[in-house]
Amino acid sequence: HAAAHIQVIRSEFEEANRLFSEGNYEAAAAVADRLAETYGSSDQLKNLKAGIARAAAFAVWQREHTAGLQAGKYDPALVENIAGYWSGQLPAVYWKNCPARKYLTNVLDNIKVEFQSLAAHPENPRMALLSKQWLYVNDLLRKLP
């Protein structure tokens, strides 16, 4: 009887993990919450719930910053927030085709256009700043899963 009980817990935990890794953090949260209510909390469940919370926070942050992300202009605060979410080790599915990734791509395109427009004036102080921004954003984009 105990073995069957353990198997139920294990399969529910695996289901929550699968949902989370597929990008369905809301359904994963429901399963994880049910597990915690019924069986208490383990370190594995706490880690899963922390990952789910990061995914939910990332989704909310992207919704709250839709206008800035769609503008595609370099904004240090947006770029730093994206870097912070990247360091949170979200599964790759949360980065695929997300507004944050599209924003970084658009920023690179916009920097490139401005850089080319200033190419005839390499002494322009803006060139150094654009180079620095481009390198940082390009590096961050390449790190994303």
Protein backbone atom coordinates (compact mmCIF):
# COMPACT_ATOMS: atom_id res chain seq x y z
CA HIS A 1 0.00 0.00 0.00
CA ALA A 2 2.84 2.40 0.84
CA ALA A 3 4.59 1.61 -2.44
CA ALA A 4 1.44 2.50 -4.40
CA HIS A 5 1.15 5.71 -2.39
CA ILE A 6 4.76 6.64 -3.20
CA GLN A 7 4.18 5.84 -6.89
CA VAL A 8 1.18 8.24 -6.97
CA ILE A 9 3.29 11.02 -5.45
CA ARG A 10 6.16 10.32 -7.85
CA SER A 11 3.91 10.31 -10.94
CA GLU A 12 2.20 13.57 -9.88
CA PHE A 13 5.59 15.18 -9.30
CA GLU A 14 6.79 13.98 -12.72
CA GLU A 15 3.59 15.35 -14.28
CA ALA A 16 4.19 18.77 -12.67
CA ASN A 17 7.81 18.71 -13.88
CA ARG A 18 6.73 17.76 -17.41
CA LEU A 19 4.13 20.54 -17.57
CA PHE A 20 6.69 23.08 -16.33
CA SER A 21 9.37 21.99 -18.80
CA GLU A 22 6.83 22.21 -21.65
CA GLY A 23 6.03 25.83 -20.78
CA ASN A 24 2.71 25.25 -19.02
CA TYR A 25 3.65 26.77 -15.67
CA GLU A 26 0.01 27.45 -14.65
CA ALA A 27 -0.98 23.77 -14.87
CA ALA A 28 2.32 22.77 -13.25
CA ALA A 29 1.58 25.13 -10.35
CA ALA A 30 -1.84 23.55 -9.82
CA VAL A 31 -0.35 20.03 -9.65
CA ALA A 32 2.52 21.19 -7.40
CA ASP A 33 0.12 22.99 -5.05
CA ARG A 34 -2.09 19.89 -4.84
CA LEU A 35 0.98 17.78 -4.07
CA ALA A 36 2.11 20.19 -1.34
CA GLU A 37 -1.36 20.27 0.27
CA THR A 38 -1.73 16.50 0.22
CA TYR A 39 1.78 15.29 0.97
CA GLY A 40 3.69 18.22 2.40
CA SER A 41 6.73 19.72 0.76
CA SER A 42 10.09 18.25 -0.18
CA ASP A 43 13.21 20.05 -1.44
CA GLN A 44 12.42 18.79 -4.95
CA LEU A 45 8.91 20.20 -4.77
CA LYS A 46 10.19 23.50 -3.34
CA ASN A 47 12.69 23.78 -6.24
CA LEU A 48 9.98 23.01 -8.79
CA LYS A 49 7.65 25.59 -7.23
CA ALA A 50 10.48 28.17 -7.26
CA GLY A 51 11.01 27.51 -10.99
CA ILE A 52 7.28 27.83 -11.64
CA ALA A 53 7.24 31.13 -9.72
CA ARG A 54 10.14 32.45 -11.85
CA ALA A 55 8.33 31.47 -15.06
CA ALA A 56 5.14 33.15 -13.85
CA ALA A 57 7.05 36.30 -12.85
CA PHE A 58 8.78 36.39 -16.26
CA ALA A 59 5.41 36.11 -18.05
CA VAL A 60 3.91 38.89 -15.91
CA TRP A 61 6.99 41.11 -16.38
CA GLN A 62 6.77 40.70 -20.18
CA ARG A 63 3.06 41.61 -20.13
CA GLU A 64 3.71 44.66 -17.94
CA HIS A 65 6.49 45.87 -20.26
CA THR A 66 4.80 45.14 -23.59
CA ALA A 67 5.13 48.71 -24.90
CA GLY A 68 8.85 48.96 -24.11
CA LEU A 69 9.58 45.51 -25.46
CA GLN A 70 7.70 46.23 -28.69
CA ALA A 71 9.47 49.59 -29.15
CA GLY A 72 12.77 47.77 -29.68
CA LYS A 73 14.86 50.68 -28.42
CA TYR A 74 17.81 50.02 -26.13
CA ASP A 75 16.65 50.50 -22.53
CA PRO A 76 19.21 49.55 -19.85
CA ALA A 77 16.47 48.63 -17.34
CA LEU A 78 14.74 46.26 -19.77
CA VAL A 79 18.02 44.64 -20.82
CA GLU A 80 19.13 44.17 -17.20
CA ASN A 81 15.78 42.63 -16.25
CA ILE A 82 16.04 40.18 -19.15
CA ALA A 83 19.58 39.30 -18.03
CA GLY A 84 18.21 38.69 -14.54
CA TYR A 85 15.55 36.31 -15.81
CA TRP A 86 18.15 34.56 -17.97
CA SER A 87 20.29 33.91 -14.90
CA GLY A 88 17.22 32.37 -13.25
CA GLN A 89 17.71 29.24 -15.36
CA LEU A 90 14.27 29.10 -16.97
CA PRO A 91 13.80 26.15 -19.33
CA ALA A 92 14.38 26.93 -23.02
CA VAL A 93 10.68 26.77 -23.84
CA TYR A 94 10.10 30.03 -21.91
CA TRP A 95 12.63 31.84 -24.13
CA LYS A 96 11.42 30.52 -27.48
CA ASN A 97 9.61 33.27 -29.43
CA CYS A 98 9.00 35.27 -26.25
CA PRO A 99 8.65 39.10 -26.30
CA ALA A 100 11.97 39.50 -24.43
CA ARG A 101 13.90 37.55 -27.09
CA LYS A 102 12.17 39.49 -29.91
CA TYR A 103 13.03 42.73 -28.10
CA LEU A 104 16.74 41.88 -27.93
CA THR A 105 16.74 40.98 -31.64
CA ASN A 106 15.00 44.27 -32.50
CA VAL A 107 17.45 46.24 -30.33
CA LEU A 108 20.37 44.71 -32.24
CA ASP A 109 18.73 45.60 -35.57
CA ASN A 110 18.07 49.18 -34.44
CA ILE A 111 21.62 49.62 -33.11
CA LYS A 112 22.99 48.29 -36.41
CA VAL A 113 20.89 50.83 -38.40
CA GLU A 114 22.04 53.72 -36.21
CA PHE A 115 25.64 52.50 -36.32
CA GLN A 116 25.56 52.41 -40.13
CA SER A 117 24.09 55.91 -40.27
CA LEU A 118 27.04 57.17 -38.21
CA ALA A 119 29.69 55.12 -40.06
CA ALA A 120 30.90 58.19 -41.94
CA HIS A 121 31.59 59.87 -38.57
CA PRO A 122 33.60 57.39 -36.47
CA GLU A 123 34.65 60.24 -34.15
CA ASN A 124 31.03 60.63 -33.02
CA PRO A 125 30.96 59.76 -29.29
CA ARG A 126 27.74 57.83 -29.84
CA MET A 127 29.70 55.20 -31.82
CA ALA A 128 31.49 53.92 -28.71
CA LEU A 129 28.24 53.73 -26.76
CA LEU A 130 26.46 51.89 -29.59
CA SER A 131 29.35 49.42 -29.84
CA LYS A 132 29.17 48.71 -26.12
CA GLN A 133 25.37 48.26 -26.21
CA TRP A 134 25.54 46.02 -29.27
CA LEU A 135 28.20 43.78 -27.70
CA TYR A 136 26.25 43.42 -24.45
CA VAL A 137 22.88 42.70 -26.09
CA ASN A 138 24.42 40.35 -28.66
CA ASP A 139 26.21 38.41 -25.89
CA LEU A 140 23.00 38.13 -23.87
CA LEU A 141 21.00 36.98 -26.89
CA ARG A 142 23.59 34.31 -27.70
CA LYS A 143 23.40 32.99 -24.11
CA LEU A 144 19.64 32.47 -24.22
CA PRO A 145 18.62 28.85 -24.60
